[in-house]
Every structure is written in structure tokens, then in C-alpha cells.
Amino acid sequence: MKQRLLFFLILLSSILHCQTKQDKFAVAYFGSGCFWCVEAIFESVKGIEYAESGYSGGKVKNPSYNQICTGTTCHAETVKVVYDPKLISYDDLLRVFFNSHDPTTLNQQGPDKGTQYRSVIFYTSNEEKEKAKAYIQKLLANKKFKSITTECTLFEKFYKAEDYHQNFERDNPDNPYVISVSKPRLNAFKKKHLNK
């Protein structure tokens, strides 16, 4: 009987610990070009627990990378950002997002072209929607950009990308795309981010 009680108490403690850890984090979803670049940028920021590459905003269930590359599924390459709101706010995430890509180009970031590379914020609440729209208006009012093509779209579903896409920049430092596009984009962001 004592062994069962001890086992139950250990199990309960473990469940409560996991629940407390999950409650600590919040999640946001952003698309701004190739998710290899976006994932590396967000993971370089203090307060981000991790970022995960995937697909959102489309009409096909559980799409593959090959499917979304056709541009016919309507998905955007998206990064799920898991963050600690005690260390970084949603407004800070918006600053990271807008400081790390060109929101003026429609369906394109650098050499990547197509609707899957569009600039998009997938909001999960009215509060996120209002903050995103207000941030865009502030950027326009301050003439940071002449126009902004970023979509603000209600989040519906995130499909995790294939395993080989996760942490791609970190795991493939000698990949030609990483060398010519991802690393320069990350370094430009870091330079800009440090100066803010």
C-alpha cells in the first residue's frame, strides 16, 4: 500500500511539474520567407525557448514540403515561436519579426519567390491581432516603410515540417543556401537588433 501511495505521489508531482513548465510559455506564429532563416533568427533571441518550422494558412491537411513549394496549397512557410512572456513580450516578437525581413515585398524574401514565402502574422487572439495592426500602423506613421504587405491572419492550424527542416541552419552550416542567404540574413538581423 505504501509503495502504491509513493508511486502515485511521484506520478502526481511529475504531472504537476510538466503542467507548470507548459504554462510558463506562450506561442506565436510568423511567416517571413524561408523558415530555415526565420527559425534561426527567433532562436537567437533571449526569451525564446525554441522555434519550429512548419506550414500554416493553407487549405491542404498535413501538407508536405514538395506540395507547398508548388504554391497551390496556400500555405506559408511558418515558424512556431515558443517564448517566455516574462522575458520577452509579444510586442518584442513583432519587433524581431519586422527587423528580420522585408515586409514590403509581396510573396518574396530575397531569392525565394511565391505565396509560401509571404510576410504573415498568424494571430491567436484579438489582443495579438490589435497589437500586430497597431505595430504596422506605427511603422507606416514613422515612415519606416512606404508600404507593408504583411498579412494579419487568424491562426487555424500549424503543421510541423519534416524533421530535416528543423534547426536546418544550425545542422547544415556548409549548405550553399545557408552560407549565401540564411547566415547573412541572421547577421543583418543581429546587427540591427543590437542597435535597438
N, C-alpha and C. Protein backbone atom coordinates (compact mmCIF):
# COMPACT_ATOMS: atom_id res chain seq x y z
N MET A 1 0.82 -1.20 0.00
CA MET A 1 0.00 0.00 0.00
C MET A 1 0.87 1.26 0.00
N LYS A 2 1.93 1.26 0.82
CA LYS A 2 2.82 2.42 0.87
C LYS A 2 3.51 2.63 -0.47
N GLN A 3 3.87 1.52 -1.14
CA GLN A 3 4.53 1.64 -2.43
C GLN A 3 3.59 2.26 -3.47
N ARG A 4 2.34 1.88 -3.44
CA ARG A 4 1.35 2.45 -4.38
C ARG A 4 1.15 3.93 -4.10
N LEU A 5 1.07 4.29 -2.84
CA LEU A 5 0.90 5.68 -2.47
C LEU A 5 2.11 6.50 -2.90
N LEU A 6 3.30 5.97 -2.67
CA LEU A 6 4.53 6.65 -3.06
C LEU A 6 4.57 6.80 -4.58
N PHE A 7 4.24 5.75 -5.30
CA PHE A 7 4.21 5.81 -6.76
C PHE A 7 3.22 6.88 -7.24
N PHE A 8 2.03 6.91 -6.65
CA PHE A 8 1.01 7.88 -7.01
C PHE A 8 1.50 9.30 -6.75
N LEU A 9 2.14 9.54 -5.61
CA LEU A 9 2.64 10.87 -5.29
C LEU A 9 3.74 11.31 -6.25
N ILE A 10 4.61 10.40 -6.61
CA ILE A 10 5.67 10.72 -7.58
C ILE A 10 5.05 11.04 -8.95
N LEU A 11 4.09 10.24 -9.36
CA LEU A 11 3.42 10.47 -10.64
C LEU A 11 2.70 11.82 -10.64
N LEU A 12 1.99 12.13 -9.58
CA LEU A 12 1.27 13.39 -9.47
C LEU A 12 2.24 14.57 -9.50
N SER A 13 3.33 14.46 -8.79
CA SER A 13 4.34 15.51 -8.76
C SER A 13 4.92 15.74 -10.16
N SER A 14 5.18 14.67 -10.87
CA SER A 14 5.72 14.76 -12.22
C SER A 14 4.74 15.44 -13.17
N ILE A 15 3.47 15.10 -13.09
CA ILE A 15 2.43 15.70 -13.93
C ILE A 15 2.32 17.19 -13.64
N LEU A 16 2.30 17.56 -12.37
CA LEU A 16 2.18 18.97 -11.99
C LEU A 16 3.40 19.76 -12.45
N HIS A 17 4.58 19.16 -12.37
CA HIS A 17 5.80 19.84 -12.82
C HIS A 17 5.74 20.10 -14.33
N CYS A 18 5.32 19.11 -15.10
CA CYS A 18 5.20 19.29 -16.55
C CYS A 18 4.16 20.35 -16.89
N GLN A 19 3.03 20.34 -16.21
CA GLN A 19 1.98 21.32 -16.46
C GLN A 19 2.47 22.73 -16.15
N THR A 20 3.20 22.89 -15.04
CA THR A 20 3.72 24.20 -14.66
C THR A 20 4.70 24.71 -15.72
N LYS A 21 5.56 23.82 -16.23
CA LYS A 21 6.51 24.22 -17.26
C LYS A 21 5.78 24.64 -18.54
N GLN A 22 4.73 23.91 -18.94
CA GLN A 22 3.97 24.27 -20.14
C GLN A 22 3.27 25.61 -19.95
N ASP A 23 2.73 25.86 -18.79
CA ASP A 23 2.02 27.11 -18.53
C ASP A 23 2.94 28.31 -18.58
N LYS A 24 4.23 28.09 -18.43
CA LYS A 24 5.21 29.17 -18.40
C LYS A 24 5.37 29.81 -19.77
N PHE A 25 5.11 29.06 -20.84
CA PHE A 25 5.40 29.53 -22.19
C PHE A 25 4.14 29.92 -22.97
N ALA A 26 4.34 30.82 -23.91
CA ALA A 26 3.29 31.23 -24.84
C ALA A 26 3.79 30.89 -26.25
N VAL A 27 2.88 30.93 -27.21
CA VAL A 27 3.22 30.54 -28.59
C VAL A 27 2.73 31.62 -29.55
N ALA A 28 3.56 31.92 -30.55
CA ALA A 28 3.20 32.85 -31.61
C ALA A 28 3.63 32.24 -32.94
N TYR A 29 3.02 32.70 -34.03
CA TYR A 29 3.27 32.13 -35.36
C TYR A 29 3.56 33.24 -36.36
N PHE A 30 4.70 33.10 -37.07
CA PHE A 30 5.12 34.11 -38.04
C PHE A 30 5.63 33.45 -39.32
N GLY A 31 5.37 34.08 -40.44
CA GLY A 31 5.94 33.67 -41.72
C GLY A 31 6.62 34.87 -42.35
N SER A 32 7.88 34.70 -42.74
CA SER A 32 8.60 35.82 -43.38
C SER A 32 9.70 35.28 -44.28
N GLY A 33 9.30 34.42 -45.19
CA GLY A 33 10.26 33.84 -46.11
C GLY A 33 10.64 32.43 -45.67
N CYS A 34 11.80 32.01 -46.09
CA CYS A 34 12.29 30.66 -45.81
C CYS A 34 12.34 30.40 -44.31
N PHE A 35 11.68 29.33 -43.88
CA PHE A 35 11.62 29.08 -42.44
C PHE A 35 12.96 28.68 -41.84
N TRP A 36 13.93 28.27 -42.66
CA TRP A 36 15.26 27.99 -42.12
C TRP A 36 15.84 29.28 -41.53
N CYS A 37 15.66 30.37 -42.26
CA CYS A 37 16.17 31.67 -41.81
C CYS A 37 15.40 32.16 -40.59
N VAL A 38 14.10 32.10 -40.67
CA VAL A 38 13.22 32.65 -39.62
C VAL A 38 13.43 31.91 -38.30
N GLU A 39 13.52 30.59 -38.37
CA GLU A 39 13.74 29.78 -37.17
C GLU A 39 15.06 30.19 -36.49
N ALA A 40 16.12 30.32 -37.26
CA ALA A 40 17.43 30.69 -36.70
C ALA A 40 17.40 32.08 -36.08
N ILE A 41 16.70 33.00 -36.70
CA ILE A 41 16.60 34.36 -36.17
C ILE A 41 15.90 34.36 -34.82
N PHE A 42 14.72 33.75 -34.75
CA PHE A 42 14.00 33.75 -33.48
C PHE A 42 14.77 33.01 -32.39
N GLU A 43 15.43 31.91 -32.74
CA GLU A 43 16.17 31.16 -31.73
C GLU A 43 17.40 31.91 -31.22
N SER A 44 17.80 32.98 -31.89
CA SER A 44 18.94 33.78 -31.45
C SER A 44 18.54 34.81 -30.40
N VAL A 45 17.25 34.92 -30.11
CA VAL A 45 16.73 35.96 -29.22
C VAL A 45 16.48 35.42 -27.82
N LYS A 46 16.94 36.16 -26.83
CA LYS A 46 16.72 35.77 -25.43
C LYS A 46 15.23 35.75 -25.13
N GLY A 47 14.80 34.71 -24.44
CA GLY A 47 13.39 34.58 -24.08
C GLY A 47 12.63 33.62 -24.96
N ILE A 48 13.25 33.23 -26.07
CA ILE A 48 12.65 32.24 -26.97
C ILE A 48 13.11 30.86 -26.50
N GLU A 49 12.17 30.02 -26.14
CA GLU A 49 12.52 28.66 -25.72
C GLU A 49 12.95 27.83 -26.92
N TYR A 50 12.16 27.88 -28.00
CA TYR A 50 12.54 27.24 -29.25
C TYR A 50 11.62 27.73 -30.36
N ALA A 51 12.06 27.48 -31.58
CA ALA A 51 11.25 27.79 -32.76
C ALA A 51 11.18 26.51 -33.60
N GLU A 52 10.06 26.33 -34.27
CA GLU A 52 9.82 25.11 -35.02
C GLU A 52 9.30 25.47 -36.41
N SER A 53 9.88 24.88 -37.43
CA SER A 53 9.47 25.17 -38.80
C SER A 53 8.25 24.35 -39.19
N GLY A 54 7.35 24.98 -39.96
CA GLY A 54 6.16 24.28 -40.41
C GLY A 54 5.37 25.09 -41.43
N TYR A 55 4.10 24.75 -41.54
CA TYR A 55 3.24 25.34 -42.56
C TYR A 55 1.91 25.77 -41.93
N SER A 56 1.44 26.96 -42.30
CA SER A 56 0.13 27.45 -41.84
C SER A 56 -0.54 28.23 -42.95
N GLY A 57 -1.84 28.42 -42.79
CA GLY A 57 -2.58 29.29 -43.69
C GLY A 57 -3.04 28.67 -44.98
N GLY A 58 -3.00 27.37 -45.09
CA GLY A 58 -3.37 26.73 -46.35
C GLY A 58 -4.64 25.92 -46.26
N LYS A 59 -4.94 25.26 -47.37
CA LYS A 59 -6.20 24.51 -47.44
C LYS A 59 -6.01 23.00 -47.51
N VAL A 60 -4.77 22.53 -47.54
CA VAL A 60 -4.48 21.10 -47.61
C VAL A 60 -4.07 20.62 -46.22
N LYS A 61 -4.65 19.51 -45.76
CA LYS A 61 -4.29 18.97 -44.46
C LYS A 61 -2.94 18.27 -44.53
N ASN A 62 -2.11 18.54 -43.52
CA ASN A 62 -0.80 17.90 -43.38
C ASN A 62 0.01 17.91 -44.68
N PRO A 63 0.28 19.10 -45.21
CA PRO A 63 0.99 19.18 -46.49
C PRO A 63 2.46 18.79 -46.34
N SER A 64 3.04 18.40 -47.45
CA SER A 64 4.48 18.12 -47.49
C SER A 64 5.19 19.36 -48.04
N TYR A 65 6.49 19.38 -47.86
CA TYR A 65 7.29 20.48 -48.39
C TYR A 65 7.14 20.56 -49.90
N ASN A 66 7.16 19.42 -50.57
CA ASN A 66 7.02 19.41 -52.02
C ASN A 66 5.68 20.01 -52.45
N GLN A 67 4.62 19.73 -51.68
CA GLN A 67 3.30 20.29 -52.01
C GLN A 67 3.29 21.81 -51.84
N ILE A 68 3.81 22.29 -50.73
CA ILE A 68 3.72 23.74 -50.51
C ILE A 68 4.63 24.51 -51.46
N CYS A 69 5.69 23.87 -51.94
CA CYS A 69 6.59 24.54 -52.89
C CYS A 69 5.91 24.82 -54.24
N THR A 70 4.82 24.14 -54.52
CA THR A 70 4.09 24.40 -55.77
C THR A 70 3.34 25.72 -55.69
N GLY A 71 3.09 26.20 -54.47
CA GLY A 71 2.34 27.44 -54.30
C GLY A 71 0.84 27.25 -54.43
N THR A 72 0.38 26.03 -54.59
CA THR A 72 -1.05 25.79 -54.82
C THR A 72 -1.81 25.43 -53.54
N THR A 73 -1.12 25.18 -52.43
CA THR A 73 -1.81 24.78 -51.19
C THR A 73 -2.22 25.98 -50.35
N CYS A 74 -1.70 27.16 -50.68
CA CYS A 74 -1.95 28.41 -49.97
C CYS A 74 -1.25 28.50 -48.60
N HIS A 75 -0.41 27.53 -48.28
CA HIS A 75 0.33 27.59 -47.01
C HIS A 75 1.48 28.58 -47.12
N ALA A 76 1.86 29.13 -45.97
CA ALA A 76 3.09 29.91 -45.85
C ALA A 76 4.07 29.10 -45.03
N GLU A 77 5.34 29.17 -45.39
CA GLU A 77 6.36 28.61 -44.51
C GLU A 77 6.29 29.44 -43.23
N THR A 78 6.04 28.77 -42.13
CA THR A 78 5.72 29.43 -40.86
C THR A 78 6.62 28.90 -39.76
N VAL A 79 6.90 29.77 -38.80
CA VAL A 79 7.67 29.34 -37.64
C VAL A 79 6.80 29.50 -36.39
N LYS A 80 6.70 28.42 -35.65
CA LYS A 80 6.04 28.41 -34.35
C LYS A 80 7.08 28.85 -33.33
N VAL A 81 6.81 29.96 -32.65
CA VAL A 81 7.76 30.52 -31.69
C VAL A 81 7.23 30.28 -30.28
N VAL A 82 7.95 29.50 -29.51
CA VAL A 82 7.57 29.22 -28.12
C VAL A 82 8.45 30.11 -27.25
N TYR A 83 7.80 30.99 -26.47
CA TYR A 83 8.56 32.00 -25.74
C TYR A 83 8.07 32.16 -24.31
N ASP A 84 8.93 32.75 -23.49
CA ASP A 84 8.62 33.03 -22.10
C ASP A 84 8.17 34.48 -21.99
N PRO A 85 6.86 34.73 -21.78
CA PRO A 85 6.37 36.11 -21.74
C PRO A 85 6.91 36.93 -20.58
N LYS A 86 7.56 36.27 -19.63
CA LYS A 86 8.21 37.03 -18.54
C LYS A 86 9.53 37.62 -19.01
N LEU A 87 10.09 37.06 -20.08
CA LEU A 87 11.38 37.52 -20.59
C LEU A 87 11.26 38.32 -21.88
N ILE A 88 10.23 38.03 -22.67
CA ILE A 88 10.04 38.73 -23.94
C ILE A 88 8.55 38.87 -24.21
N SER A 89 8.14 40.03 -24.66
CA SER A 89 6.71 40.29 -24.88
C SER A 89 6.34 40.02 -26.34
N TYR A 90 5.04 39.97 -26.59
CA TYR A 90 4.56 39.82 -27.97
C TYR A 90 5.00 41.03 -28.80
N ASP A 91 5.00 42.22 -28.21
CA ASP A 91 5.48 43.41 -28.91
C ASP A 91 6.94 43.26 -29.31
N ASP A 92 7.74 42.65 -28.43
CA ASP A 92 9.15 42.39 -28.76
C ASP A 92 9.25 41.41 -29.93
N LEU A 93 8.37 40.40 -29.95
CA LEU A 93 8.38 39.45 -31.06
C LEU A 93 8.05 40.15 -32.38
N LEU A 94 7.11 41.09 -32.33
CA LEU A 94 6.77 41.86 -33.53
C LEU A 94 7.99 42.67 -34.01
N ARG A 95 8.73 43.22 -33.07
CA ARG A 95 9.95 43.97 -33.42
C ARG A 95 10.97 43.04 -34.09
N VAL A 96 11.15 41.85 -33.53
CA VAL A 96 12.06 40.87 -34.14
C VAL A 96 11.58 40.53 -35.55
N PHE A 97 10.30 40.27 -35.68
CA PHE A 97 9.71 39.91 -36.97
C PHE A 97 9.97 40.99 -38.02
N PHE A 98 9.64 42.24 -37.70
CA PHE A 98 9.79 43.31 -38.69
C PHE A 98 11.24 43.73 -38.91
N ASN A 99 12.11 43.49 -37.94
CA ASN A 99 13.53 43.81 -38.11
C ASN A 99 14.32 42.71 -38.81
N SER A 100 13.65 41.61 -39.13
CA SER A 100 14.38 40.47 -39.69
C SER A 100 13.98 40.12 -41.12
N HIS A 101 13.12 40.91 -41.72
CA HIS A 101 12.76 40.65 -43.12
C HIS A 101 12.25 41.92 -43.77
N ASP A 102 12.00 41.84 -45.06
CA ASP A 102 11.48 42.99 -45.81
C ASP A 102 9.98 42.81 -45.99
N PRO A 103 9.17 43.52 -45.20
CA PRO A 103 7.72 43.36 -45.29
C PRO A 103 7.09 44.13 -46.46
N THR A 104 7.93 44.73 -47.30
CA THR A 104 7.38 45.50 -48.43
C THR A 104 7.30 44.68 -49.71
N THR A 105 7.94 43.52 -49.74
CA THR A 105 7.93 42.70 -50.94
C THR A 105 6.80 41.67 -50.85
N LEU A 106 5.96 41.66 -51.83
CA LEU A 106 4.82 40.75 -51.86
C LEU A 106 5.27 39.36 -52.30
N ASN A 107 5.02 38.37 -51.45
CA ASN A 107 5.31 36.97 -51.77
C ASN A 107 6.77 36.72 -52.15
N GLN A 108 7.67 37.39 -51.44
CA GLN A 108 9.09 37.21 -51.73
C GLN A 108 9.94 37.66 -50.56
N GLN A 109 11.00 36.90 -50.31
CA GLN A 109 12.08 37.32 -49.42
C GLN A 109 13.38 36.90 -50.07
N GLY A 110 14.19 37.87 -50.41
CA GLY A 110 15.46 37.56 -51.09
C GLY A 110 15.20 36.78 -52.36
N PRO A 111 15.91 35.65 -52.54
CA PRO A 111 15.76 34.89 -53.77
C PRO A 111 14.52 34.00 -53.79
N ASP A 112 13.81 33.91 -52.66
CA ASP A 112 12.66 33.00 -52.55
C ASP A 112 11.38 33.72 -52.97
N LYS A 113 10.72 33.19 -53.99
CA LYS A 113 9.51 33.81 -54.52
C LYS A 113 8.35 32.83 -54.51
N GLY A 114 7.17 33.33 -54.18
CA GLY A 114 5.96 32.52 -54.15
C GLY A 114 5.15 32.83 -52.91
N THR A 115 3.88 32.49 -52.95
CA THR A 115 2.99 32.80 -51.82
C THR A 115 3.43 32.10 -50.54
N GLN A 116 4.16 31.00 -50.67
CA GLN A 116 4.62 30.29 -49.48
C GLN A 116 5.67 31.10 -48.71
N TYR A 117 6.23 32.15 -49.35
CA TYR A 117 7.24 32.99 -48.71
C TYR A 117 6.69 34.36 -48.29
N ARG A 118 5.38 34.48 -48.25
CA ARG A 118 4.77 35.77 -47.92
C ARG A 118 5.04 36.18 -46.48
N SER A 119 4.91 37.46 -46.23
CA SER A 119 5.04 38.01 -44.89
C SER A 119 3.67 37.92 -44.22
N VAL A 120 3.60 37.18 -43.11
CA VAL A 120 2.30 36.96 -42.46
C VAL A 120 2.46 36.77 -40.96
N ILE A 121 1.54 37.35 -40.24
CA ILE A 121 1.42 37.14 -38.79
C ILE A 121 0.13 36.37 -38.58
N PHE A 122 0.25 35.18 -37.99
CA PHE A 122 -0.93 34.39 -37.66
C PHE A 122 -1.28 34.67 -36.20
N TYR A 123 -2.30 35.49 -35.99
CA TYR A 123 -2.65 35.85 -34.62
C TYR A 123 -3.58 34.79 -34.01
N THR A 124 -3.44 34.59 -32.70
CA THR A 124 -4.23 33.58 -31.98
C THR A 124 -5.27 34.20 -31.06
N SER A 125 -5.29 35.52 -30.99
CA SER A 125 -6.27 36.22 -30.14
C SER A 125 -6.51 37.61 -30.71
N ASN A 126 -7.59 38.23 -30.27
CA ASN A 126 -7.86 39.61 -30.69
C ASN A 126 -6.78 40.55 -30.20
N GLU A 127 -6.22 40.26 -29.03
CA GLU A 127 -5.14 41.09 -28.50
C GLU A 127 -3.92 41.07 -29.43
N GLU A 128 -3.54 39.87 -29.90
CA GLU A 128 -2.42 39.77 -30.84
C GLU A 128 -2.75 40.49 -32.15
N LYS A 129 -3.97 40.34 -32.62
CA LYS A 129 -4.39 41.00 -33.86
C LYS A 129 -4.26 42.51 -33.73
N GLU A 130 -4.78 43.05 -32.65
CA GLU A 130 -4.73 44.51 -32.43
C GLU A 130 -3.29 45.00 -32.29
N LYS A 131 -2.47 44.26 -31.58
CA LYS A 131 -1.06 44.65 -31.42
C LYS A 131 -0.34 44.63 -32.76
N ALA A 132 -0.59 43.60 -33.56
CA ALA A 132 0.07 43.49 -34.86
C ALA A 132 -0.35 44.64 -35.77
N LYS A 133 -1.65 44.92 -35.83
CA LYS A 133 -2.14 46.01 -36.69
C LYS A 133 -1.62 47.36 -36.21
N ALA A 134 -1.59 47.56 -34.90
CA ALA A 134 -1.08 48.82 -34.34
C ALA A 134 0.41 48.97 -34.65
N TYR A 135 1.15 47.88 -34.58
CA TYR A 135 2.58 47.94 -34.87
C TYR A 135 2.82 48.31 -36.33
N ILE A 136 2.03 47.73 -37.21
CA ILE A 136 2.15 48.07 -38.64
C ILE A 136 1.84 49.54 -38.86
N GLN A 137 0.78 50.03 -38.24
CA GLN A 137 0.42 51.45 -38.38
C GLN A 137 1.52 52.37 -37.86
N LYS A 138 2.14 51.96 -36.75
CA LYS A 138 3.25 52.75 -36.19
C LYS A 138 4.43 52.79 -37.15
N LEU A 139 4.76 51.66 -37.77
CA LEU A 139 5.86 51.62 -38.73
C LEU A 139 5.57 52.53 -39.93
N LEU A 140 4.33 52.51 -40.40
CA LEU A 140 3.94 53.36 -41.53
C LEU A 140 3.95 54.83 -41.14
N ALA A 141 3.41 55.14 -39.96
CA ALA A 141 3.36 56.54 -39.49
C ALA A 141 4.77 57.11 -39.30
N ASN A 142 5.69 56.26 -38.85
CA ASN A 142 7.08 56.69 -38.64
C ASN A 142 7.91 56.61 -39.92
N LYS A 143 7.24 56.26 -41.03
CA LYS A 143 7.87 56.16 -42.34
C LYS A 143 9.06 55.20 -42.36
N LYS A 144 8.97 54.16 -41.55
CA LYS A 144 10.00 53.11 -41.57
C LYS A 144 9.92 52.37 -42.91
N PHE A 145 8.67 52.21 -43.42
CA PHE A 145 8.44 51.59 -44.73
C PHE A 145 7.37 52.42 -45.45
N LYS A 146 7.46 52.49 -46.80
CA LYS A 146 6.45 53.21 -47.57
C LYS A 146 5.14 52.42 -47.61
N SER A 147 5.26 51.11 -47.68
CA SER A 147 4.09 50.24 -47.66
C SER A 147 4.49 48.94 -46.99
N ILE A 148 3.50 48.21 -46.51
CA ILE A 148 3.74 46.93 -45.85
C ILE A 148 2.75 45.92 -46.41
N THR A 149 3.27 44.79 -46.89
CA THR A 149 2.41 43.76 -47.48
C THR A 149 2.06 42.65 -46.48
N THR A 150 2.54 42.76 -45.26
CA THR A 150 2.33 41.72 -44.25
C THR A 150 0.84 41.48 -44.02
N GLU A 151 0.45 40.22 -44.08
CA GLU A 151 -0.93 39.82 -43.77
C GLU A 151 -1.06 39.60 -42.26
N CYS A 152 -2.21 39.95 -41.72
CA CYS A 152 -2.59 39.57 -40.35
C CYS A 152 -3.77 38.61 -40.51
N THR A 153 -3.50 37.36 -40.22
CA THR A 153 -4.46 36.30 -40.49
C THR A 153 -4.73 35.49 -39.23
N LEU A 154 -5.99 35.15 -39.01
CA LEU A 154 -6.35 34.32 -37.87
C LEU A 154 -5.67 32.96 -37.97
N PHE A 155 -4.99 32.56 -36.92
CA PHE A 155 -4.33 31.26 -36.88
C PHE A 155 -5.38 30.16 -36.84
N GLU A 156 -5.18 29.14 -37.68
CA GLU A 156 -6.07 27.99 -37.67
C GLU A 156 -5.34 26.71 -37.32
N LYS A 157 -4.25 26.42 -38.02
CA LYS A 157 -3.56 25.15 -37.82
C LYS A 157 -2.10 25.30 -38.21
N PHE A 158 -1.24 24.64 -37.45
CA PHE A 158 0.18 24.59 -37.75
C PHE A 158 0.56 23.14 -38.00
N TYR A 159 1.17 22.89 -39.14
CA TYR A 159 1.66 21.55 -39.47
C TYR A 159 3.18 21.58 -39.39
N LYS A 160 3.73 20.81 -38.49
CA LYS A 160 5.19 20.77 -38.33
C LYS A 160 5.81 20.24 -39.62
N ALA A 161 6.87 20.93 -40.07
CA ALA A 161 7.57 20.50 -41.28
C ALA A 161 8.37 19.22 -41.01
N GLU A 162 8.79 18.61 -42.08
CA GLU A 162 9.58 17.39 -42.00
C GLU A 162 10.81 17.61 -41.10
N ASP A 163 11.26 16.54 -40.47
CA ASP A 163 12.35 16.63 -39.49
C ASP A 163 13.60 17.28 -40.06
N TYR A 164 13.92 17.04 -41.30
CA TYR A 164 15.17 17.58 -41.84
C TYR A 164 15.14 19.11 -41.95
N HIS A 165 13.96 19.72 -41.85
CA HIS A 165 13.87 21.18 -41.87
C HIS A 165 14.15 21.80 -40.50
N GLN A 166 13.98 21.04 -39.44
CA GLN A 166 14.14 21.59 -38.09
C GLN A 166 15.61 21.89 -37.81
N ASN A 167 15.88 23.09 -37.31
CA ASN A 167 17.25 23.52 -36.99
C ASN A 167 18.19 23.37 -38.19
N PHE A 168 17.65 23.63 -39.36
CA PHE A 168 18.41 23.39 -40.59
C PHE A 168 19.68 24.23 -40.65
N GLU A 169 19.59 25.50 -40.31
CA GLU A 169 20.78 26.35 -40.39
C GLU A 169 21.87 25.87 -39.44
N ARG A 170 21.49 25.54 -38.22
CA ARG A 170 22.46 25.06 -37.23
C ARG A 170 23.09 23.73 -37.65
N ASP A 171 22.28 22.82 -38.17
CA ASP A 171 22.75 21.48 -38.50
C ASP A 171 23.44 21.37 -39.87
N ASN A 172 23.30 22.41 -40.70
CA ASN A 172 23.86 22.37 -42.06
C ASN A 172 24.63 23.65 -42.37
N PRO A 173 25.65 23.97 -41.58
CA PRO A 173 26.35 25.25 -41.75
C PRO A 173 27.06 25.41 -43.09
N ASP A 174 27.35 24.31 -43.78
CA ASP A 174 28.05 24.39 -45.06
C ASP A 174 27.12 24.32 -46.27
N ASN A 175 25.81 24.28 -46.02
CA ASN A 175 24.84 24.27 -47.11
C ASN A 175 24.96 25.59 -47.88
N PRO A 176 25.00 25.55 -49.22
CA PRO A 176 25.15 26.79 -50.00
C PRO A 176 24.07 27.84 -49.71
N TYR A 177 22.82 27.42 -49.51
CA TYR A 177 21.75 28.38 -49.20
C TYR A 177 22.00 29.01 -47.83
N VAL A 178 22.40 28.21 -46.88
CA VAL A 178 22.69 28.72 -45.53
C VAL A 178 23.81 29.74 -45.60
N ILE A 179 24.86 29.44 -46.35
CA ILE A 179 26.01 30.34 -46.46
C ILE A 179 25.64 31.65 -47.16
N SER A 180 24.87 31.54 -48.25
CA SER A 180 24.60 32.73 -49.07
C SER A 180 23.36 33.52 -48.67
N VAL A 181 22.40 32.88 -47.97
CA VAL A 181 21.15 33.57 -47.64
C VAL A 181 20.89 33.59 -46.12
N SER A 182 20.86 32.43 -45.51
CA SER A 182 20.46 32.34 -44.09
C SER A 182 21.41 33.07 -43.16
N LYS A 183 22.70 32.76 -43.26
CA LYS A 183 23.67 33.40 -42.35
C LYS A 183 23.73 34.92 -42.53
N PRO A 184 23.79 35.42 -43.78
CA PRO A 184 23.78 36.88 -43.94
C PRO A 184 22.51 37.52 -43.38
N ARG A 185 21.38 36.86 -43.55
CA ARG A 185 20.12 37.41 -43.01
C ARG A 185 20.15 37.42 -41.48
N LEU A 186 20.65 36.36 -40.87
CA LEU A 186 20.77 36.30 -39.41
C LEU A 186 21.73 37.37 -38.92
N ASN A 187 22.87 37.51 -39.58
CA ASN A 187 23.85 38.51 -39.15
C ASN A 187 23.33 39.93 -39.30
N ALA A 188 22.60 40.20 -40.37
CA ALA A 188 22.00 41.53 -40.56
C ALA A 188 20.99 41.81 -39.45
N PHE A 189 20.19 40.79 -39.10
CA PHE A 189 19.23 40.96 -38.01
C PHE A 189 19.95 41.26 -36.69
N LYS A 190 20.97 40.47 -36.39
CA LYS A 190 21.70 40.66 -35.13
C LYS A 190 22.27 42.07 -35.03
N LYS A 191 22.83 42.57 -36.14
CA LYS A 191 23.38 43.92 -36.17
C LYS A 191 22.29 44.95 -35.90
N LYS A 192 21.16 44.78 -36.55
CA LYS A 192 20.03 45.70 -36.40
C LYS A 192 19.42 45.60 -34.99
N HIS A 193 19.28 44.36 -34.52
CA HIS A 193 18.65 44.10 -33.23
C HIS A 193 19.49 44.65 -32.07
N LEU A 194 20.81 44.55 -32.18
CA LEU A 194 21.69 45.05 -31.13
C LEU A 194 21.65 46.57 -31.05
N ASN A 195 21.35 47.21 -32.17
CA ASN A 195 21.32 48.67 -32.20
C ASN A 195 19.99 49.26 -31.75
N LYS A 196 19.06 48.41 -31.34
CA LYS A 196 17.72 48.89 -30.90
C LYS A 196 17.67 49.01 -29.40
